[in-house]
Amino acid sequence: MNYKSYGDLSEDIAASLFLVQGKGYDLVVGIPRSGMIPASMVALGLHIDVVGLPDFIANQQLKTRLSRKTQGLPNAAWDAKKILLVDDSVVTGRTMQEARDSIPNDCLCTIDTLAIYADPNGKQHVDISFCTLESPRAFQWNIFSPDTLSQACVDIDGVLCVDPTAHQNDDGEKYIAFLNNAEPLFLPSGRIGCLVTNRLEKYRSQTEEWLKQQGIDYERLVMLDLPSREERQRLGASFTHKGLLYKNSDYTFFIESSAMQAADIARISGKVVYCCQDNQVYTATNGKSLRGYAKRLLRTMKLKLRTFSGLHRRLKSNR
């Protein structure tokens, strides 16, 4: 599984922007929804306007007027002489072709097409591509798309809702209050294949009611059939049941909240796991994401220590 985050997208565009510099483009058009973010990044790099495809089709007036030029700026979308039509990726070319076909024939703009990421067999469907990326692949901005969710196992706490605090997680009345009133975090737009949680089976009714209140649709809800939190901790069952279920199922993706558990689930299942905590994808063999997480955690701790030390020095000097 090849994975790209928002950070990867920004770096890949910056590294390849030279491919479209100096080509005379005076407008960038993004294909909604996945093409809008890279289109905006490309337009900012080229110092020209950007619009979404529906606004371009409607020949909307341009508003941002980002350009190094002072004369000859297009006032409306179709005033542009040469446009760059952008999507995040291309495999079969169907989406890009549909976008081209949707532009009216009386629009006389010259149109070039750009995909940031192109499957090796998909390059032929665009004029320009920035990076080659083989399928299967996943993008951070599409993780919660209906197509992905329907084939995925999804954690609850830390993904669909916030994690309980230590005070709330008492395996009693405070925890039940949390379950009933948990703050939503990432609400999906489609049906989830399987919800897999460390919540105990005895809390199924509260969990199902909260999911119903949030309008979350799913096929299965798998919980831990253990009597207490203490027994769960004693058995170390926080990730084992997730990994085994994933391994023995037809699901092709797992969305997990914890980086440590994501690494263990990937190791047990031999499949791909995406972690919301660090926006990384884990596999059974890479190990890179876990090391990266540890490095980022260390950097964060060092930054906090420097901040605290600086504050301490200022307080001492003010005495």
Protein backbone atom coordinates (compact mmCIF):
# COMPACT_ATOMS: atom_id res chain seq x y z
CA MET A 1 0.00 0.00 0.00
CA ASN A 2 1.46 3.35 -1.06
CA TYR A 3 0.35 6.16 1.26
CA LYS A 4 0.53 9.93 0.89
CA SER A 5 -0.22 12.46 3.63
CA TYR A 6 -0.98 16.18 3.31
CA GLY A 7 2.68 16.78 4.11
CA ASP A 8 3.78 14.44 1.32
CA LEU A 9 1.43 16.20 -1.09
CA SER A 10 2.91 19.60 -0.27
CA GLU A 11 6.49 18.36 -0.63
CA ASP A 12 5.81 16.49 -3.88
CA ILE A 13 4.17 19.53 -5.46
CA ALA A 14 6.99 21.84 -4.37
CA ALA A 15 9.58 19.44 -5.80
CA SER A 16 7.84 19.15 -9.19
CA LEU A 17 6.40 22.61 -9.70
CA PHE A 18 9.17 23.40 -12.20
CA LEU A 19 7.35 21.10 -14.65
CA VAL A 20 4.57 23.69 -15.06
CA GLN A 21 6.50 26.92 -14.48
CA GLY A 22 6.89 29.19 -17.47
CA LYS A 23 4.23 27.38 -19.52
CA GLY A 24 1.95 30.40 -19.80
CA TYR A 25 -0.87 29.20 -17.56
CA ASP A 26 -3.07 31.98 -16.26
CA LEU A 27 -5.68 29.89 -14.41
CA VAL A 28 -5.73 26.62 -12.45
CA VAL A 29 -8.95 24.58 -12.31
CA GLY A 30 -9.41 21.95 -9.60
CA ILE A 31 -11.59 18.86 -9.98
CA PRO A 32 -13.76 18.53 -6.83
CA ARG A 33 -13.23 17.25 -4.31
CA SER A 34 -9.82 15.62 -4.20
CA GLY A 35 -8.33 17.91 -6.83
CA MET A 36 -9.09 21.17 -5.04
CA ILE A 37 -6.28 21.07 -2.48
CA PRO A 38 -3.47 20.28 -4.94
CA ALA A 39 -4.96 22.78 -7.40
CA SER A 40 -4.75 25.52 -4.76
CA MET A 41 -1.16 24.57 -3.93
CA VAL A 42 -0.16 24.63 -7.59
CA ALA A 43 -1.91 27.96 -8.19
CA LEU A 44 -0.17 29.57 -5.22
CA GLY A 45 3.15 28.29 -6.51
CA LEU A 46 2.45 29.76 -9.95
CA HIS A 47 0.98 33.01 -8.53
CA ILE A 48 -2.22 32.68 -10.54
CA ASP A 49 -5.92 32.24 -9.83
CA VAL A 50 -7.63 28.98 -8.97
CA VAL A 51 -11.30 27.95 -9.34
CA GLY A 52 -13.23 24.74 -8.97
CA LEU A 53 -14.47 22.97 -12.09
CA PRO A 54 -18.18 23.87 -11.51
CA ASP A 55 -17.30 27.58 -11.28
CA PHE A 56 -15.16 27.31 -14.38
CA ILE A 57 -17.98 25.67 -16.33
CA ALA A 58 -20.28 28.49 -15.20
CA ASN A 59 -17.69 31.07 -16.34
CA GLN A 60 -17.66 32.70 -12.91
CA GLN A 61 -15.93 36.00 -12.22
CA LEU A 62 -12.47 35.57 -10.69
CA LYS A 63 -11.99 36.95 -7.20
CA THR A 64 -8.49 36.26 -5.91
CA ARG A 65 -6.53 37.88 -8.76
CA LEU A 66 -3.22 36.30 -7.67
CA SER A 67 -0.68 37.16 -10.34
CA ARG A 68 2.71 38.76 -10.85
CA LYS A 69 1.33 40.43 -13.97
CA THR A 70 -0.43 43.77 -13.80
CA GLN A 71 -2.12 43.72 -17.19
CA GLY A 72 -4.06 41.21 -19.20
CA LEU A 73 -5.51 39.45 -16.18
CA PRO A 74 -8.64 37.38 -16.89
CA ASN A 75 -11.75 38.82 -15.23
CA ALA A 76 -13.90 35.76 -15.82
CA ALA A 77 -12.88 32.12 -16.01
CA TRP A 78 -13.15 31.83 -19.78
CA ASP A 79 -11.02 34.94 -20.29
CA ALA A 80 -8.04 32.76 -19.41
CA LYS A 81 -6.01 31.79 -22.45
CA LYS A 82 -4.39 28.67 -21.00
CA ILE A 83 -5.61 26.69 -18.02
CA LEU A 84 -4.26 23.78 -16.01
CA LEU A 85 -6.92 21.21 -15.03
CA VAL A 86 -5.77 19.45 -11.84
CA ASP A 87 -6.69 16.27 -9.97
CA ASP A 88 -4.86 14.51 -7.16
CA SER A 89 -4.33 11.24 -9.03
CA VAL A 90 -5.04 9.28 -12.17
CA VAL A 91 -5.37 5.54 -12.75
CA THR A 92 -7.90 4.83 -15.48
CA GLY A 93 -8.30 8.43 -16.65
CA ARG A 94 -12.10 8.25 -16.34
CA THR A 95 -12.46 11.17 -13.91
CA MET A 96 -10.17 13.43 -15.91
CA GLN A 97 -11.96 12.60 -19.16
CA GLU A 98 -15.36 13.29 -17.58
CA ALA A 99 -14.05 16.64 -16.38
CA ARG A 100 -12.83 17.55 -19.87
CA ASP A 101 -16.11 16.46 -21.43
CA SER A 102 -18.09 18.63 -19.00
CA ILE A 103 -16.47 21.85 -20.27
CA PRO A 104 -18.74 23.52 -22.90
CA ASN A 105 -17.55 23.54 -26.50
CA ASP A 106 -17.81 27.32 -26.70
CA CYS A 107 -15.04 27.67 -24.10
CA LEU A 108 -11.99 28.50 -26.22
CA CYS A 109 -9.33 28.12 -23.50
CA THR A 110 -6.36 25.86 -24.14
CA ILE A 111 -6.50 23.11 -21.53
CA ASP A 112 -3.66 20.98 -20.15
CA THR A 113 -4.32 18.25 -17.61
CA LEU A 114 -2.23 17.52 -14.51
CA ALA A 115 -2.34 14.69 -12.00
CA ILE A 116 -0.06 14.95 -8.98
CA TYR A 117 0.13 11.15 -8.64
CA ALA A 118 -0.14 8.84 -11.64
CA ASP A 119 -0.31 5.08 -11.72
CA PRO A 120 2.27 3.76 -14.23
CA ASN A 121 -0.57 2.79 -16.55
CA GLY A 122 -2.40 6.07 -15.94
CA LYS A 123 0.23 8.53 -17.16
CA GLN A 124 -1.07 8.29 -20.70
CA HIS A 125 -4.37 9.84 -19.61
CA VAL A 126 -2.92 13.23 -18.59
CA ASP A 127 -0.62 15.76 -20.18
CA ILE A 128 1.53 16.14 -17.07
CA SER A 129 2.08 14.09 -13.93
CA PHE A 130 4.32 14.97 -11.00
CA CYS A 131 4.92 11.58 -9.35
CA THR A 132 4.50 7.93 -10.23
CA LEU A 133 2.53 6.05 -7.57
CA GLU A 134 1.54 2.43 -8.06
CA SER A 135 -1.79 1.04 -6.87
CA PRO A 136 -2.96 0.15 -4.33
CA ARG A 137 -2.53 3.56 -2.70
CA ALA A 138 -4.23 5.62 -0.02
CA PHE A 139 -4.38 9.35 0.59
CA GLN A 140 -4.89 11.06 3.93
CA TRP A 141 -7.56 13.31 2.42
CA ASN A 142 -9.58 10.28 1.23
CA ILE A 143 -9.21 7.93 4.21
CA PHE A 144 -12.81 8.48 5.30
CA SER A 145 -14.34 8.17 1.85
CA PRO A 146 -17.28 5.74 1.48
CA ASP A 147 -15.30 3.39 -0.79
CA THR A 148 -12.55 2.99 1.81
CA LEU A 149 -14.86 2.74 4.82
CA SER A 150 -17.01 -0.01 3.30
CA GLN A 151 -13.94 -2.28 3.19
CA ALA A 152 -12.46 -1.18 6.51
CA CYS A 153 -12.31 -2.00 10.19
CA VAL A 154 -12.59 1.20 12.24
CA ASP A 155 -11.73 1.92 15.87
CA ILE A 156 -14.19 4.07 17.86
CA ASP A 157 -12.42 5.98 20.65
CA GLY A 158 -9.88 8.36 19.18
CA VAL A 159 -11.38 7.98 15.70
CA LEU A 160 -15.15 8.48 15.72
CA CYS A 161 -15.10 10.22 19.10
CA VAL A 162 -12.55 11.63 21.53
CA ASP A 163 -10.80 9.30 23.95
CA PRO A 164 -12.08 9.23 27.54
CA THR A 165 -9.90 10.98 30.09
CA ALA A 166 -8.33 9.04 32.95
CA HIS A 167 -11.00 10.54 35.22
CA GLN A 168 -13.81 9.37 32.93
CA ASN A 169 -12.36 5.90 32.36
CA ASP A 170 -13.45 4.40 35.72
CA ASP A 171 -15.37 1.41 34.30
CA GLY A 172 -18.37 2.76 36.16
CA GLU A 173 -20.79 5.69 36.25
CA LYS A 174 -18.31 8.27 34.92
CA TYR A 175 -17.47 6.00 32.00
CA ILE A 176 -21.13 5.43 31.19
CA ALA A 177 -21.64 9.20 31.20
CA PHE A 178 -18.75 9.49 28.74
CA LEU A 179 -20.25 6.83 26.46
CA ASN A 180 -23.58 8.63 26.40
CA ASN A 181 -22.11 12.06 25.68
CA ALA A 182 -18.83 11.47 23.85
CA GLU A 183 -17.71 14.36 21.64
CA PRO A 184 -17.64 13.35 17.93
CA LEU A 185 -14.27 13.49 16.21
CA PHE A 186 -14.24 12.08 12.63
CA LEU A 187 -17.77 11.38 11.48
CA PRO A 188 -17.90 9.19 8.36
CA SER A 189 -19.94 9.93 5.25
CA GLY A 190 -20.58 6.30 4.33
CA ARG A 191 -21.27 2.85 5.71
CA ILE A 192 -18.44 1.32 7.75
CA GLY A 193 -17.61 -2.33 7.20
CA CYS A 194 -16.78 -3.23 10.81
CA LEU A 195 -16.38 -1.24 14.02
CA VAL A 196 -13.73 -2.89 16.21
CA THR A 197 -13.27 -1.45 19.69
CA ASN A 198 -11.65 -2.17 23.05
CA ARG A 199 -14.90 -1.20 24.74
CA LEU A 200 -16.34 -4.04 26.79
CA GLU A 201 -19.37 -5.99 25.62
CA LYS A 202 -21.36 -4.85 28.66
CA TYR A 203 -21.37 -1.32 27.19
CA ARG A 204 -22.90 -2.37 23.85
CA SER A 205 -26.27 -0.67 24.43
CA GLN A 206 -24.67 2.72 25.23
CA THR A 207 -22.31 2.39 22.27
CA GLU A 208 -25.06 1.49 19.81
CA GLU A 209 -27.24 4.35 21.03
CA TRP A 210 -24.43 6.88 20.60
CA LEU A 211 -23.70 5.59 17.08
CA LYS A 212 -27.38 5.92 16.24
CA GLN A 213 -27.50 9.48 17.55
CA GLN A 214 -24.52 10.43 15.38
CA GLY A 215 -26.03 8.81 12.29
CA ILE A 216 -23.10 6.40 11.89
CA ASP A 217 -23.97 3.45 9.66
CA TYR A 218 -22.07 0.16 9.99
CA GLU A 219 -22.39 -3.55 9.24
CA ARG A 220 -20.82 -5.03 12.38
CA LEU A 221 -19.81 -3.90 15.87
CA VAL A 222 -17.17 -6.08 17.54
CA MET A 223 -16.48 -5.47 21.25
CA LEU A 224 -14.38 -7.21 23.92
CA ASP A 225 -16.29 -9.90 25.78
CA LEU A 226 -14.48 -9.44 29.11
CA PRO A 227 -15.95 -8.63 32.54
CA SER A 228 -13.87 -5.56 33.45
CA ARG A 229 -11.21 -3.07 32.45
CA GLU A 230 -8.81 -4.72 34.91
CA GLU A 231 -9.24 -8.08 33.16
CA ARG A 232 -8.63 -6.44 29.78
CA GLN A 233 -5.42 -4.88 31.09
CA ARG A 234 -4.30 -8.15 32.70
CA LEU A 235 -4.72 -10.05 29.44
CA GLY A 236 -3.16 -7.29 27.34
CA ALA A 237 -6.10 -7.55 24.97
CA SER A 238 -6.06 -3.97 23.74
CA PHE A 239 -4.79 -4.86 20.27
CA THR A 240 -4.76 -8.66 19.95
CA HIS A 241 -8.45 -9.09 19.21
CA LYS A 242 -8.30 -6.28 16.63
CA GLY A 243 -5.33 -7.81 14.84
CA LEU A 244 -6.78 -11.33 14.77
CA LEU A 245 -10.20 -10.20 13.55
CA TYR A 246 -8.58 -8.12 10.80
CA LYS A 247 -6.27 -10.98 9.81
CA ASN A 248 -9.10 -13.50 9.49
CA SER A 249 -11.47 -11.19 7.60
CA ASP A 250 -11.83 -9.91 4.06
CA TYR A 251 -11.44 -6.30 5.17
CA THR A 252 -8.59 -4.54 3.40
CA PHE A 253 -8.01 -1.50 5.62
CA PHE A 254 -7.92 -0.68 9.34
CA ILE A 255 -8.30 2.79 10.87
CA GLU A 256 -6.83 2.90 14.38
CA SER A 257 -6.43 5.70 16.92
CA SER A 258 -3.21 4.62 18.68
CA ALA A 259 0.21 4.49 17.01
CA MET A 260 1.41 1.70 19.30
CA GLN A 261 -1.70 -0.39 18.65
CA ALA A 262 -1.56 0.34 14.91
CA ALA A 263 1.94 -1.16 14.73
CA ASP A 264 0.83 -4.26 16.66
CA ILE A 265 -2.35 -4.72 14.59
CA ALA A 266 -0.29 -4.52 11.38
CA ARG A 267 2.20 -7.05 12.75
CA ILE A 268 -0.50 -9.53 13.79
CA SER A 269 -2.68 -9.19 10.71
CA GLY A 270 -0.01 -8.75 8.06
CA LYS A 271 -2.21 -6.02 6.60
CA VAL A 272 -2.17 -2.24 6.27
CA VAL A 273 -3.24 -0.04 9.21
CA TYR A 274 -3.77 3.73 9.15
CA CYS A 275 -3.27 5.63 12.41
CA CYS A 276 -5.13 8.89 13.12
CA GLN A 277 -2.70 9.81 15.89
CA ASP A 278 0.29 10.38 13.62
CA ASN A 279 -1.31 10.21 10.15
CA GLN A 280 0.90 7.29 9.16
CA VAL A 281 0.32 3.91 7.55
CA TYR A 282 1.74 0.84 9.27
CA THR A 283 2.58 -2.51 7.71
CA ALA A 284 3.87 -5.75 9.19
CA THR A 285 7.39 -5.12 7.92
CA ASN A 286 8.12 -1.41 7.58
CA GLY A 287 8.67 -0.31 11.20
CA LYS A 288 9.42 3.15 9.82
CA SER A 289 6.24 4.75 11.02
CA LEU A 290 6.82 3.62 14.61
CA ARG A 291 10.35 4.99 14.60
CA GLY A 292 9.09 8.20 13.03
CA TYR A 293 6.44 8.51 15.70
CA ALA A 294 9.07 8.06 18.43
CA LYS A 295 11.27 10.73 16.86
CA ARG A 296 8.37 13.20 16.57
CA LEU A 297 7.41 12.51 20.18
CA LEU A 298 11.00 13.14 21.28
CA ARG A 299 11.15 16.40 19.31
CA THR A 300 7.88 17.54 20.89
CA MET A 301 9.18 16.75 24.38
CA LYS A 302 12.42 18.64 23.71
CA LEU A 303 10.47 21.64 22.40
CA LYS A 304 8.27 21.69 25.49
CA LEU A 305 11.36 21.41 27.70
CA ARG A 306 13.03 24.35 25.94
CA THR A 307 9.85 26.40 26.24
CA PHE A 308 9.57 25.60 29.94
CA SER A 309 13.26 26.40 30.51
CA GLY A 310 12.92 29.75 28.72
CA LEU A 311 9.84 30.62 30.75
CA HIS A 312 11.65 29.63 33.94
CA ARG A 313 14.61 31.91 33.09
CA ARG A 314 12.33 34.85 32.33
CA LEU A 315 10.49 34.37 35.62
CA LYS A 316 13.79 34.30 37.51
CA SER A 317 15.03 37.46 35.76
CA ASN A 318 11.84 39.32 36.66
CA ARG A 319 12.17 38.61 40.37
